[in-house]
Amino acid sequence: MSTLIYLPTIHSLSLPFPS
């Protein structure tokens, strides 16, 4: 679960991820 939140959090800064 943590991985699904951790990864998108960093990617969000670079690319827009639909969380």
C-alpha atoms as a PDB file:
ATOM      1  CA  MET A   1       0.000   0.000   0.000  1.00  0.00           C
ATOM      2  CA  SER A   2       2.766   2.375   0.931  1.00  0.00           C
ATOM      3  CA  THR A   3       4.426   1.849  -2.423  1.00  0.00           C
ATOM      4  CA  LEU A   4       1.303   2.946  -4.268  1.00  0.00           C
ATOM      5  CA  ILE A   5       1.371   6.214  -2.353  1.00  0.00           C
ATOM      6  CA  TYR A   6       5.116   6.763  -2.198  1.00  0.00           C
ATOM      7  CA  LEU A   7       5.758   6.361  -5.920  1.00  0.00           C
ATOM      8  CA  PRO A   8       2.917   8.586  -7.178  1.00  0.00           C
ATOM      9  CA  THR A   9       3.905  11.265  -4.661  1.00  0.00           C
ATOM     10  CA  ILE A  10       7.345  11.693  -6.224  1.00  0.00           C
ATOM     11  CA  HIS A  11       6.115  11.259  -9.804  1.00  0.00           C
ATOM     12  CA  SER A  12       3.462  13.883  -9.215  1.00  0.00           C
ATOM     13  CA  LEU A  13       6.206  16.484  -8.897  1.00  0.00           C
ATOM     14  CA  SER A  14       7.521  15.577 -12.335  1.00  0.00           C
ATOM     15  CA  LEU A  15       4.474  14.193 -14.110  1.00  0.00           C
ATOM     16  CA  PRO A  16       0.756  14.605 -13.444  1.00  0.00           C
ATOM     17  CA  PHE A  17      -0.465  11.337 -11.964  1.00  0.00           C
ATOM     18  CA  PRO A  18      -4.217  10.753 -11.443  1.00  0.00           C
ATOM     19  CA  SER A  19      -4.189   9.806  -7.780  1.00  0.00           C
END
